[in-house]
Amino acid sequence: MGWLSDLVARFGGGEEAPVPERALNLEVRGPQLAELRTVLEELVEAMHANTDRMENPGWRGRARDYSYALGGIRDLLRTPTRDGLYDVLGSVRPLYRGPVPEGYEELAGLNERLVAALATLREPAPGE
């Protein structure tokens, strides 16, 4: 073995050990994810019900983003990992931040629930 091979082996150039999946505490996360799923379902339904706004590409795109996030939540519940949780949290953003914009009054309660659900999921759970 030459000096280069020795150096590579010494500093991790050999075979990589598999990285174990980081499990979720489903006793805690299960109900939290169920709340997020419910809020997103209700928000998508309310957004689609506003047919005038669904003509707006931005509004339609946000509704589509929430629908995709629902698929991510379903996948996460089937295969729960912390990395999957981070993927879901990174893909969902509130409808708006701060004061309720004009025209969003009927969605204010759902947006507040969404913000609360996301904040709860960002908190560490025991055993994670």
N, C-alpha and C. Protein backbone atom coordinates (compact mmCIF):
# COMPACT_ATOMS: atom_id res chain seq x y z
N MET A 1 0.85 -1.17 0.00
CA MET A 1 0.00 0.00 0.00
C MET A 1 0.90 1.23 0.00
N GLY A 2 0.65 2.14 -0.93
CA GLY A 2 1.45 3.35 -1.02
C GLY A 2 0.96 4.41 -0.06
N TRP A 3 1.68 5.49 0.00
CA TRP A 3 1.33 6.56 0.93
C TRP A 3 -0.01 7.19 0.58
N LEU A 4 -0.37 7.26 -0.72
CA LEU A 4 -1.65 7.85 -1.12
C LEU A 4 -2.81 6.96 -0.69
N SER A 5 -2.63 5.64 -0.87
CA SER A 5 -3.69 4.71 -0.44
C SER A 5 -3.88 4.77 1.07
N ASP A 6 -2.77 4.86 1.79
CA ASP A 6 -2.83 4.96 3.25
C ASP A 6 -3.56 6.23 3.67
N LEU A 7 -3.29 7.33 3.00
CA LEU A 7 -3.93 8.61 3.32
C LEU A 7 -5.43 8.57 3.04
N VAL A 8 -5.79 8.01 1.90
CA VAL A 8 -7.21 7.90 1.54
C VAL A 8 -7.93 7.02 2.55
N ALA A 9 -7.36 5.88 2.92
CA ALA A 9 -7.99 4.98 3.87
C ALA A 9 -8.13 5.63 5.24
N ARG A 10 -7.12 6.40 5.64
CA ARG A 10 -7.13 7.03 6.95
C ARG A 10 -8.22 8.10 7.07
N PHE A 11 -8.48 8.81 6.00
CA PHE A 11 -9.43 9.93 6.06
C PHE A 11 -10.76 9.64 5.38
N GLY A 12 -11.18 8.39 5.46
CA GLY A 12 -12.53 8.05 5.04
C GLY A 12 -12.69 7.76 3.57
N GLY A 13 -11.64 7.42 2.88
CA GLY A 13 -11.77 7.11 1.47
C GLY A 13 -12.18 5.67 1.22
N GLY A 14 -12.31 4.89 2.27
CA GLY A 14 -12.70 3.50 2.11
C GLY A 14 -14.21 3.39 1.94
N GLU A 15 -14.72 2.23 2.23
CA GLU A 15 -16.16 2.02 2.11
C GLU A 15 -16.90 2.85 3.15
N GLU A 16 -18.00 3.42 2.70
CA GLU A 16 -18.80 4.24 3.61
C GLU A 16 -19.79 3.36 4.36
N ALA A 17 -19.93 3.63 5.63
CA ALA A 17 -20.92 2.91 6.43
C ALA A 17 -22.31 3.45 6.10
N PRO A 18 -23.30 2.57 6.06
CA PRO A 18 -24.66 3.04 5.76
C PRO A 18 -25.15 3.99 6.87
N VAL A 19 -25.86 4.99 6.46
CA VAL A 19 -26.40 5.96 7.41
C VAL A 19 -27.78 5.46 7.84
N PRO A 20 -27.97 5.22 9.14
CA PRO A 20 -29.27 4.70 9.58
C PRO A 20 -30.36 5.76 9.43
N GLU A 21 -31.57 5.29 9.11
CA GLU A 21 -32.72 6.19 9.03
C GLU A 21 -33.02 6.71 10.44
N ARG A 22 -33.36 7.96 10.50
CA ARG A 22 -33.70 8.56 11.79
C ARG A 22 -35.22 8.49 11.94
N ALA A 23 -35.65 7.68 12.89
CA ALA A 23 -37.08 7.42 13.07
C ALA A 23 -37.78 8.60 13.74
N LEU A 24 -39.09 8.63 13.53
CA LEU A 24 -39.94 9.63 14.17
C LEU A 24 -40.66 9.01 15.36
N ASN A 25 -40.97 9.82 16.31
CA ASN A 25 -41.81 9.41 17.43
C ASN A 25 -43.26 9.53 16.96
N LEU A 26 -43.82 8.43 16.46
CA LEU A 26 -45.16 8.48 15.87
C LEU A 26 -46.26 8.71 16.89
N GLU A 27 -46.00 8.41 18.15
CA GLU A 27 -47.01 8.71 19.17
C GLU A 27 -47.26 10.21 19.24
N VAL A 28 -46.20 10.98 19.06
CA VAL A 28 -46.30 12.44 19.09
C VAL A 28 -46.60 12.97 17.69
N ARG A 29 -45.84 12.51 16.71
CA ARG A 29 -45.93 13.07 15.35
C ARG A 29 -47.20 12.65 14.61
N GLY A 30 -47.74 11.48 14.90
CA GLY A 30 -48.94 11.01 14.20
C GLY A 30 -50.09 12.00 14.29
N PRO A 31 -50.50 12.39 15.50
CA PRO A 31 -51.59 13.38 15.60
C PRO A 31 -51.22 14.74 15.02
N GLN A 32 -49.96 15.13 15.15
CA GLN A 32 -49.53 16.42 14.58
C GLN A 32 -49.63 16.40 13.06
N LEU A 33 -49.19 15.31 12.45
CA LEU A 33 -49.27 15.19 11.00
C LEU A 33 -50.72 15.07 10.53
N ALA A 34 -51.55 14.41 11.33
CA ALA A 34 -52.97 14.32 10.98
C ALA A 34 -53.61 15.70 10.98
N GLU A 35 -53.25 16.55 11.92
CA GLU A 35 -53.77 17.92 11.96
C GLU A 35 -53.29 18.71 10.75
N LEU A 36 -52.02 18.58 10.41
CA LEU A 36 -51.51 19.28 9.23
C LEU A 36 -52.22 18.80 7.97
N ARG A 37 -52.42 17.50 7.85
CA ARG A 37 -53.13 16.95 6.69
C ARG A 37 -54.55 17.49 6.61
N THR A 38 -55.25 17.52 7.74
CA THR A 38 -56.63 18.02 7.77
C THR A 38 -56.69 19.49 7.38
N VAL A 39 -55.80 20.29 7.93
CA VAL A 39 -55.79 21.72 7.62
C VAL A 39 -55.52 21.93 6.14
N LEU A 40 -54.55 21.22 5.59
CA LEU A 40 -54.24 21.38 4.17
C LEU A 40 -55.40 20.94 3.29
N GLU A 41 -56.06 19.85 3.65
CA GLU A 41 -57.23 19.40 2.88
C GLU A 41 -58.32 20.46 2.88
N GLU A 42 -58.59 21.02 4.05
CA GLU A 42 -59.62 22.06 4.16
C GLU A 42 -59.21 23.32 3.41
N LEU A 43 -57.93 23.67 3.47
CA LEU A 43 -57.44 24.86 2.78
C LEU A 43 -57.53 24.69 1.26
N VAL A 44 -57.14 23.53 0.76
CA VAL A 44 -57.23 23.27 -0.68
C VAL A 44 -58.69 23.34 -1.13
N GLU A 45 -59.57 22.73 -0.35
CA GLU A 45 -60.99 22.75 -0.69
C GLU A 45 -61.53 24.18 -0.72
N ALA A 46 -61.17 24.98 0.28
CA ALA A 46 -61.63 26.37 0.33
C ALA A 46 -61.04 27.19 -0.82
N MET A 47 -59.80 26.92 -1.18
CA MET A 47 -59.19 27.65 -2.28
C MET A 47 -59.85 27.30 -3.61
N HIS A 48 -60.16 26.02 -3.81
CA HIS A 48 -60.84 25.60 -5.03
C HIS A 48 -62.27 26.14 -5.09
N ALA A 49 -62.90 26.32 -3.95
CA ALA A 49 -64.27 26.84 -3.91
C ALA A 49 -64.33 28.29 -4.38
N ASN A 50 -63.24 29.00 -4.27
CA ASN A 50 -63.19 30.40 -4.72
C ASN A 50 -62.85 30.39 -6.21
N THR A 51 -63.87 30.16 -7.04
CA THR A 51 -63.65 29.96 -8.47
C THR A 51 -63.06 31.19 -9.16
N ASP A 52 -63.40 32.39 -8.71
CA ASP A 52 -62.83 33.59 -9.33
C ASP A 52 -61.31 33.62 -9.14
N ARG A 53 -60.86 33.30 -7.95
CA ARG A 53 -59.42 33.33 -7.69
C ARG A 53 -58.69 32.17 -8.35
N MET A 54 -59.36 31.05 -8.59
CA MET A 54 -58.70 29.91 -9.22
C MET A 54 -58.27 30.24 -10.65
N GLU A 55 -58.77 31.32 -11.22
CA GLU A 55 -58.30 31.76 -12.53
C GLU A 55 -56.93 32.42 -12.44
N ASN A 56 -56.54 32.85 -11.25
CA ASN A 56 -55.25 33.46 -11.02
C ASN A 56 -54.19 32.36 -10.94
N PRO A 57 -53.15 32.40 -11.81
CA PRO A 57 -52.14 31.33 -11.80
C PRO A 57 -51.41 31.18 -10.45
N GLY A 58 -51.19 32.28 -9.75
CA GLY A 58 -50.52 32.20 -8.45
C GLY A 58 -51.37 31.48 -7.42
N TRP A 59 -52.64 31.78 -7.40
CA TRP A 59 -53.58 31.14 -6.47
C TRP A 59 -53.69 29.65 -6.80
N ARG A 60 -53.85 29.36 -8.08
CA ARG A 60 -53.97 27.97 -8.52
C ARG A 60 -52.68 27.20 -8.19
N GLY A 61 -51.53 27.86 -8.38
CA GLY A 61 -50.25 27.22 -8.07
C GLY A 61 -50.10 26.92 -6.59
N ARG A 62 -50.55 27.85 -5.74
CA ARG A 62 -50.45 27.61 -4.29
C ARG A 62 -51.36 26.45 -3.89
N ALA A 63 -52.55 26.38 -4.46
CA ALA A 63 -53.45 25.26 -4.16
C ALA A 63 -52.80 23.95 -4.61
N ARG A 64 -52.14 23.96 -5.76
CA ARG A 64 -51.45 22.77 -6.25
C ARG A 64 -50.29 22.39 -5.32
N ASP A 65 -49.55 23.39 -4.84
CA ASP A 65 -48.45 23.12 -3.90
C ASP A 65 -48.96 22.42 -2.64
N TYR A 66 -50.10 22.89 -2.12
CA TYR A 66 -50.68 22.27 -0.94
C TYR A 66 -51.12 20.84 -1.24
N SER A 67 -51.65 20.60 -2.44
CA SER A 67 -52.04 19.24 -2.83
C SER A 67 -50.83 18.32 -2.88
N TYR A 68 -49.72 18.82 -3.43
CA TYR A 68 -48.49 18.03 -3.46
C TYR A 68 -47.98 17.75 -2.04
N ALA A 69 -48.08 18.73 -1.18
CA ALA A 69 -47.64 18.54 0.21
C ALA A 69 -48.47 17.46 0.89
N LEU A 70 -49.76 17.37 0.54
CA LEU A 70 -50.60 16.30 1.09
C LEU A 70 -50.05 14.94 0.70
N GLY A 71 -49.58 14.80 -0.52
CA GLY A 71 -48.96 13.55 -0.93
C GLY A 71 -47.72 13.25 -0.12
N GLY A 72 -46.93 14.27 0.17
CA GLY A 72 -45.74 14.09 1.00
C GLY A 72 -46.08 13.65 2.41
N ILE A 73 -47.16 14.18 2.95
CA ILE A 73 -47.59 13.79 4.30
C ILE A 73 -48.04 12.34 4.30
N ARG A 74 -48.79 11.95 3.28
CA ARG A 74 -49.23 10.54 3.19
C ARG A 74 -48.02 9.60 3.10
N ASP A 75 -47.03 9.98 2.29
CA ASP A 75 -45.80 9.17 2.18
C ASP A 75 -45.09 9.10 3.52
N LEU A 76 -45.02 10.21 4.21
CA LEU A 76 -44.35 10.27 5.51
C LEU A 76 -45.05 9.38 6.53
N LEU A 77 -46.36 9.34 6.51
CA LEU A 77 -47.09 8.49 7.44
C LEU A 77 -46.88 7.00 7.12
N ARG A 78 -46.64 6.69 5.84
CA ARG A 78 -46.35 5.30 5.46
C ARG A 78 -44.93 4.91 5.84
N THR A 79 -43.98 5.83 5.62
CA THR A 79 -42.57 5.58 5.90
C THR A 79 -42.04 6.74 6.73
N PRO A 80 -42.27 6.68 8.04
CA PRO A 80 -41.91 7.83 8.89
C PRO A 80 -40.42 7.93 9.18
N THR A 81 -39.81 9.03 8.71
CA THR A 81 -38.42 9.34 9.03
C THR A 81 -38.31 10.83 9.32
N ARG A 82 -37.29 11.19 10.05
CA ARG A 82 -37.08 12.61 10.33
C ARG A 82 -36.75 13.37 9.06
N ASP A 83 -36.00 12.75 8.18
CA ASP A 83 -35.67 13.41 6.92
C ASP A 83 -36.94 13.68 6.11
N GLY A 84 -37.87 12.73 6.13
CA GLY A 84 -39.15 12.93 5.45
C GLY A 84 -39.94 14.07 6.07
N LEU A 85 -39.87 14.18 7.39
CA LEU A 85 -40.54 15.28 8.08
C LEU A 85 -39.95 16.62 7.64
N TYR A 86 -38.63 16.69 7.56
CA TYR A 86 -37.99 17.93 7.12
C TYR A 86 -38.37 18.28 5.69
N ASP A 87 -38.51 17.26 4.84
CA ASP A 87 -38.94 17.50 3.46
C ASP A 87 -40.34 18.10 3.43
N VAL A 88 -41.24 17.55 4.24
CA VAL A 88 -42.61 18.07 4.27
C VAL A 88 -42.62 19.49 4.81
N LEU A 89 -41.91 19.73 5.90
CA LEU A 89 -41.89 21.07 6.48
C LEU A 89 -41.29 22.10 5.54
N GLY A 90 -40.35 21.67 4.72
CA GLY A 90 -39.75 22.58 3.76
C GLY A 90 -40.64 22.89 2.57
N SER A 91 -41.66 22.07 2.36
CA SER A 91 -42.51 22.26 1.19
C SER A 91 -43.82 22.98 1.50
N VAL A 92 -44.09 23.23 2.78
CA VAL A 92 -45.36 23.88 3.15
C VAL A 92 -45.06 25.24 3.75
N ARG A 93 -45.70 26.25 3.19
CA ARG A 93 -45.56 27.59 3.76
C ARG A 93 -46.96 28.17 3.96
N PRO A 94 -47.09 29.04 4.90
CA PRO A 94 -48.41 29.63 5.15
C PRO A 94 -48.93 30.37 3.92
N LEU A 95 -50.23 30.52 3.86
CA LEU A 95 -50.85 31.26 2.77
C LEU A 95 -50.39 32.71 2.79
N TYR A 96 -50.23 33.26 3.98
CA TYR A 96 -49.69 34.62 4.16
C TYR A 96 -49.11 34.70 5.56
N ARG A 97 -48.31 35.74 5.78
CA ARG A 97 -47.74 36.01 7.11
C ARG A 97 -48.18 37.40 7.53
N GLY A 98 -48.30 37.59 8.81
CA GLY A 98 -48.67 38.91 9.32
C GLY A 98 -50.17 39.15 9.27
N PRO A 99 -50.56 40.42 9.16
CA PRO A 99 -51.99 40.75 9.16
C PRO A 99 -52.70 40.12 7.97
N VAL A 100 -53.98 39.90 8.14
CA VAL A 100 -54.79 39.27 7.09
C VAL A 100 -54.93 40.22 5.90
N PRO A 101 -54.44 39.81 4.72
CA PRO A 101 -54.59 40.67 3.55
C PRO A 101 -56.05 40.77 3.11
N GLU A 102 -56.37 41.81 2.43
CA GLU A 102 -57.73 42.00 1.92
C GLU A 102 -58.07 40.85 0.98
N GLY A 103 -59.24 40.29 1.16
CA GLY A 103 -59.69 39.19 0.34
C GLY A 103 -59.38 37.81 0.90
N TYR A 104 -58.62 37.76 1.98
CA TYR A 104 -58.24 36.48 2.58
C TYR A 104 -58.99 36.22 3.89
N GLU A 105 -59.94 37.06 4.20
CA GLU A 105 -60.61 36.96 5.50
C GLU A 105 -61.23 35.59 5.75
N GLU A 106 -61.83 34.99 4.71
CA GLU A 106 -62.49 33.70 4.91
C GLU A 106 -61.49 32.56 5.13
N LEU A 107 -60.23 32.80 4.83
CA LEU A 107 -59.20 31.77 5.01
C LEU A 107 -58.32 32.02 6.23
N ALA A 108 -58.59 33.09 6.96
CA ALA A 108 -57.75 33.47 8.10
C ALA A 108 -57.66 32.37 9.15
N GLY A 109 -58.78 31.76 9.49
CA GLY A 109 -58.78 30.69 10.50
C GLY A 109 -57.96 29.49 10.06
N LEU A 110 -58.09 29.11 8.80
CA LEU A 110 -57.32 27.98 8.28
C LEU A 110 -55.83 28.30 8.24
N ASN A 111 -55.50 29.53 7.86
CA ASN A 111 -54.08 29.91 7.84
C ASN A 111 -53.50 29.90 9.25
N GLU A 112 -54.25 30.36 10.24
CA GLU A 112 -53.78 30.32 11.63
C GLU A 112 -53.54 28.88 12.09
N ARG A 113 -54.47 27.99 11.73
CA ARG A 113 -54.29 26.57 12.07
C ARG A 113 -53.07 25.99 11.37
N LEU A 114 -52.84 26.39 10.11
CA LEU A 114 -51.67 25.92 9.38
C LEU A 114 -50.38 26.38 10.05
N VAL A 115 -50.32 27.64 10.41
CA VAL A 115 -49.13 28.18 11.08
C VAL A 115 -48.89 27.44 12.39
N ALA A 116 -49.94 27.19 13.15
CA ALA A 116 -49.81 26.48 14.43
C ALA A 116 -49.35 25.04 14.22
N ALA A 117 -49.90 24.37 13.21
CA ALA A 117 -49.51 22.98 12.94
C ALA A 117 -48.04 22.89 12.53
N LEU A 118 -47.59 23.82 11.71
CA LEU A 118 -46.18 23.83 11.30
C LEU A 118 -45.27 24.11 12.48
N ALA A 119 -45.66 25.05 13.34
CA ALA A 119 -44.84 25.38 14.51
C ALA A 119 -44.72 24.17 15.44
N THR A 120 -45.80 23.45 15.64
CA THR A 120 -45.78 22.27 16.50
C THR A 120 -44.85 21.19 15.94
N LEU A 121 -44.90 20.99 14.63
CA LEU A 121 -44.05 19.97 14.01
C LEU A 121 -42.58 20.35 14.03
N ARG A 122 -42.28 21.63 14.12
CA ARG A 122 -40.88 22.07 14.16
C ARG A 122 -40.26 21.89 15.54
N GLU A 123 -41.07 21.70 16.56
CA GLU A 123 -40.57 21.48 17.92
C GLU A 123 -40.04 20.06 18.06
N PRO A 124 -38.95 19.86 18.79
CA PRO A 124 -38.41 18.51 18.99
C PRO A 124 -39.40 17.64 19.76
N ALA A 125 -39.43 16.38 19.40
CA ALA A 125 -40.27 15.41 20.11
C ALA A 125 -39.36 14.45 20.87
N PRO A 126 -39.82 13.91 21.98
CA PRO A 126 -39.00 12.97 22.75
C PRO A 126 -38.55 11.78 21.90
N GLY A 127 -37.29 11.44 21.98
CA GLY A 127 -36.76 10.29 21.30
C GLY A 127 -36.31 10.51 19.87
N GLU A 128 -36.38 11.75 19.43
CA GLU A 128 -35.96 12.03 18.06
C GLU A 128 -34.60 12.72 18.06
